[in-house]
Amino acid sequence: MRYPASITIGLLAAMPAFAQDAVQTDGDKYKVILENECVRVLDYRDNPGEKTHQHRHPPFVLYALGPFKRTLTLPDGKVLAREFKAGDVMWSDAQTHIGENVGQTPTHVVIVEMKRAGAECAKP
């Protein structure tokens, strides 16, 4: 059975599971500083007024290196406001969003994305 292209494209666009990896969508902002079988560590930087493309993160820990304010727009249109001070740490479950720096300062964070859990990753 064939479906009109508009239906197929609409369904794909609405599915957050198809959101791309942050490094692929916004390589000018995300830099991989360490990657192994357990984690990927990203250095993220942006300036006031800058916005990312829609992308996804697996579960992650964020560490703020400086103060910043931003919004996250989720696939359902919900907008979350976030404000961090230098040294703040946050855990997040997997998430798809568009981020925008809505403050007066650059964003600079380190993000540790989880790849897998278990005893294998707990070994030194």
C-alpha atoms as a PDB file:
ATOM      1  CA  MET A   1       0.000   0.000   0.000  1.00  0.00           C
ATOM      2  CA  ARG A   2       1.344   3.417  -0.886  1.00  0.00           C
ATOM      3  CA  TYR A   3       0.941   6.427   1.377  1.00  0.00           C
ATOM      4  CA  PRO A   4       1.047  10.052   0.284  1.00  0.00           C
ATOM      5  CA  ALA A   5       4.483  11.590   0.804  1.00  0.00           C
ATOM      6  CA  SER A   6       3.032  14.239   3.142  1.00  0.00           C
ATOM      7  CA  ILE A   7       1.774  11.559   5.562  1.00  0.00           C
ATOM      8  CA  THR A   8       5.072   9.675   5.530  1.00  0.00           C
ATOM      9  CA  ILE A   9       7.143  12.825   6.071  1.00  0.00           C
ATOM     10  CA  GLY A  10       4.778  14.052   8.797  1.00  0.00           C
ATOM     11  CA  LEU A  11       5.020  10.788  10.709  1.00  0.00           C
ATOM     12  CA  LEU A  12       8.807  10.756  10.538  1.00  0.00           C
ATOM     13  CA  ALA A  13       9.102  14.369  11.643  1.00  0.00           C
ATOM     14  CA  ALA A  14       6.869  13.757  14.658  1.00  0.00           C
ATOM     15  CA  MET A  15       8.915  10.837  15.969  1.00  0.00           C
ATOM     16  CA  PRO A  16      11.607  11.950  18.452  1.00  0.00           C
ATOM     17  CA  ALA A  17      13.344   8.569  18.153  1.00  0.00           C
ATOM     18  CA  PHE A  18      14.607   9.775  14.769  1.00  0.00           C
ATOM     19  CA  ALA A  19      16.203  12.915  16.196  1.00  0.00           C
ATOM     20  CA  GLN A  20      19.865  13.074  15.336  1.00  0.00           C
ATOM     21  CA  ASP A  21      22.925  12.981  17.519  1.00  0.00           C
ATOM     22  CA  ALA A  22      23.940  16.384  18.946  1.00  0.00           C
ATOM     23  CA  VAL A  23      27.476  16.227  17.518  1.00  0.00           C
ATOM     24  CA  GLN A  24      26.029  15.617  14.040  1.00  0.00           C
ATOM     25  CA  THR A  25      23.440  18.399  14.192  1.00  0.00           C
ATOM     26  CA  ASP A  26      25.558  21.008  15.968  1.00  0.00           C
ATOM     27  CA  GLY A  27      29.210  20.100  15.544  1.00  0.00           C
ATOM     28  CA  ASP A  28      30.124  23.786  15.854  1.00  0.00           C
ATOM     29  CA  LYS A  29      28.913  23.685  19.486  1.00  0.00           C
ATOM     30  CA  TYR A  30      29.541  20.100  20.676  1.00  0.00           C
ATOM     31  CA  LYS A  31      33.064  18.658  20.803  1.00  0.00           C
ATOM     32  CA  VAL A  32      33.783  15.066  21.852  1.00  0.00           C
ATOM     33  CA  ILE A  33      36.570  15.148  24.460  1.00  0.00           C
ATOM     34  CA  LEU A  34      36.437  11.462  25.480  1.00  0.00           C
ATOM     35  CA  GLU A  35      34.592   8.430  24.193  1.00  0.00           C
ATOM     36  CA  ASN A  36      34.723   4.764  25.143  1.00  0.00           C
ATOM     37  CA  GLU A  37      32.307   1.839  25.394  1.00  0.00           C
ATOM     38  CA  CYS A  38      30.673   3.259  28.556  1.00  0.00           C
ATOM     39  CA  VAL A  39      30.430   7.048  28.124  1.00  0.00           C
ATOM     40  CA  ARG A  40      30.857   9.931  25.725  1.00  0.00           C
ATOM     41  CA  VAL A  41      32.048  13.231  27.213  1.00  0.00           C
ATOM     42  CA  LEU A  42      31.117  16.418  25.367  1.00  0.00           C
ATOM     43  CA  ASP A  43      32.299  20.003  25.717  1.00  0.00           C
ATOM     44  CA  TYR A  44      29.404  22.309  24.763  1.00  0.00           C
ATOM     45  CA  ARG A  45      29.671  26.042  24.113  1.00  0.00           C
ATOM     46  CA  ASP A  46      27.321  28.637  22.671  1.00  0.00           C
ATOM     47  CA  ASN A  47      26.679  32.366  22.826  1.00  0.00           C
ATOM     48  CA  PRO A  48      23.612  34.424  23.769  1.00  0.00           C
ATOM     49  CA  GLY A  49      20.898  34.137  21.123  1.00  0.00           C
ATOM     50  CA  GLU A  50      22.246  30.939  19.577  1.00  0.00           C
ATOM     51  CA  LYS A  51      20.002  27.922  19.078  1.00  0.00           C
ATOM     52  CA  THR A  52      20.650  24.249  18.346  1.00  0.00           C
ATOM     53  CA  HIS A  53      18.887  22.025  15.855  1.00  0.00           C
ATOM     54  CA  GLN A  54      16.624  19.328  17.276  1.00  0.00           C
ATOM     55  CA  HIS A  55      18.803  16.521  18.613  1.00  0.00           C
ATOM     56  CA  ARG A  56      18.810  13.738  21.167  1.00  0.00           C
ATOM     57  CA  HIS A  57      20.896  12.767  24.182  1.00  0.00           C
ATOM     58  CA  PRO A  58      20.931   9.409  25.959  1.00  0.00           C
ATOM     59  CA  PRO A  59      20.793   9.661  29.783  1.00  0.00           C
ATOM     60  CA  PHE A  60      23.439  12.198  30.852  1.00  0.00           C
ATOM     61  CA  VAL A  61      25.073  14.268  33.569  1.00  0.00           C
ATOM     62  CA  LEU A  62      25.646  17.977  32.901  1.00  0.00           C
ATOM     63  CA  TYR A  63      28.287  20.064  34.738  1.00  0.00           C
ATOM     64  CA  ALA A  64      28.079  23.852  34.305  1.00  0.00           C
ATOM     65  CA  LEU A  65      31.454  25.578  33.935  1.00  0.00           C
ATOM     66  CA  GLY A  66      29.847  29.024  33.975  1.00  0.00           C
ATOM     67  CA  PRO A  67      26.453  30.641  34.612  1.00  0.00           C
ATOM     68  CA  PHE A  68      23.857  30.622  31.830  1.00  0.00           C
ATOM     69  CA  LYS A  69      20.133  30.680  31.016  1.00  0.00           C
ATOM     70  CA  ARG A  70      18.491  28.645  28.263  1.00  0.00           C
ATOM     71  CA  THR A  71      15.249  27.150  27.074  1.00  0.00           C
ATOM     72  CA  LEU A  72      14.708  23.605  25.873  1.00  0.00           C
ATOM     73  CA  THR A  73      11.869  23.008  23.427  1.00  0.00           C
ATOM     74  CA  LEU A  74      10.670  19.406  23.514  1.00  0.00           C
ATOM     75  CA  PRO A  75       9.164  17.578  20.499  1.00  0.00           C
ATOM     76  CA  ASP A  76       5.624  18.093  21.881  1.00  0.00           C
ATOM     77  CA  GLY A  77       6.173  21.879  21.942  1.00  0.00           C
ATOM     78  CA  LYS A  78       6.612  22.164  25.712  1.00  0.00           C
ATOM     79  CA  VAL A  79       9.270  24.745  26.624  1.00  0.00           C
ATOM     80  CA  LEU A  80      11.444  24.263  29.712  1.00  0.00           C
ATOM     81  CA  ALA A  81      13.412  27.178  31.206  1.00  0.00           C
ATOM     82  CA  ARG A  82      16.790  26.340  32.762  1.00  0.00           C
ATOM     83  CA  GLU A  83      19.228  28.494  34.700  1.00  0.00           C
ATOM     84  CA  PHE A  84      22.600  27.316  36.002  1.00  0.00           C
ATOM     85  CA  LYS A  85      25.389  28.704  38.130  1.00  0.00           C
ATOM     86  CA  ALA A  86      29.025  27.663  37.727  1.00  0.00           C
ATOM     87  CA  GLY A  87      29.475  24.317  39.469  1.00  0.00           C
ATOM     88  CA  ASP A  88      25.839  23.188  39.166  1.00  0.00           C
ATOM     89  CA  VAL A  89      25.402  19.525  38.272  1.00  0.00           C
ATOM     90  CA  MET A  90      22.259  17.931  36.803  1.00  0.00           C
ATOM     91  CA  TRP A  91      21.146  14.406  35.848  1.00  0.00           C
ATOM     92  CA  SER A  92      18.739  13.889  32.960  1.00  0.00           C
ATOM     93  CA  ASP A  93      17.036  10.890  31.450  1.00  0.00           C
ATOM     94  CA  ALA A  94      17.279  10.531  27.672  1.00  0.00           C
ATOM     95  CA  GLN A  95      15.920  13.628  25.978  1.00  0.00           C
ATOM     96  CA  THR A  96      15.186  15.130  22.566  1.00  0.00           C
ATOM     97  CA  HIS A  97      15.113  18.931  22.373  1.00  0.00           C
ATOM     98  CA  ILE A  98      16.092  22.196  20.741  1.00  0.00           C
ATOM     99  CA  GLY A  99      18.220  24.374  23.029  1.00  0.00           C
ATOM    100  CA  GLU A 100      18.428  28.163  22.954  1.00  0.00           C
ATOM    101  CA  ASN A 101      20.708  30.449  24.950  1.00  0.00           C
ATOM    102  CA  VAL A 102      18.290  33.110  26.228  1.00  0.00           C
ATOM    103  CA  GLY A 103      20.667  34.731  28.720  1.00  0.00           C
ATOM    104  CA  GLN A 104      23.391  37.341  28.593  1.00  0.00           C
ATOM    105  CA  THR A 105      26.337  34.948  29.044  1.00  0.00           C
ATOM    106  CA  PRO A 106      27.840  32.160  26.953  1.00  0.00           C
ATOM    107  CA  THR A 107      26.933  28.569  27.827  1.00  0.00           C
ATOM    108  CA  HIS A 108      29.871  26.325  28.690  1.00  0.00           C
ATOM    109  CA  VAL A 109      29.162  22.843  30.049  1.00  0.00           C
ATOM    110  CA  VAL A 110      30.609  19.364  30.134  1.00  0.00           C
ATOM    111  CA  ILE A 111      28.076  16.625  29.365  1.00  0.00           C
ATOM    112  CA  VAL A 112      28.722  12.979  30.205  1.00  0.00           C
ATOM    113  CA  GLU A 113      26.395  10.804  28.127  1.00  0.00           C
ATOM    114  CA  MET A 114      25.825   7.242  29.337  1.00  0.00           C
ATOM    115  CA  LYS A 115      26.260   4.477  26.778  1.00  0.00           C
ATOM    116  CA  ARG A 116      25.735   1.403  28.916  1.00  0.00           C
ATOM    117  CA  ALA A 117      25.392   0.424  32.522  1.00  0.00           C
ATOM    118  CA  GLY A 118      26.506  -2.509  34.573  1.00  0.00           C
ATOM    119  CA  ALA A 119      29.527  -4.053  36.154  1.00  0.00           C
ATOM    120  CA  GLU A 120      31.586  -3.808  32.955  1.00  0.00           C
ATOM    121  CA  CYS A 121      31.668  -0.022  33.224  1.00  0.00           C
ATOM    122  CA  ALA A 122      32.352  -0.030  36.970  1.00  0.00           C
ATOM    123  CA  LYS A 123      35.736  -1.722  36.572  1.00  0.00           C
ATOM    124  CA  PRO A 124      38.786   0.596  36.813  1.00  0.00           C
END
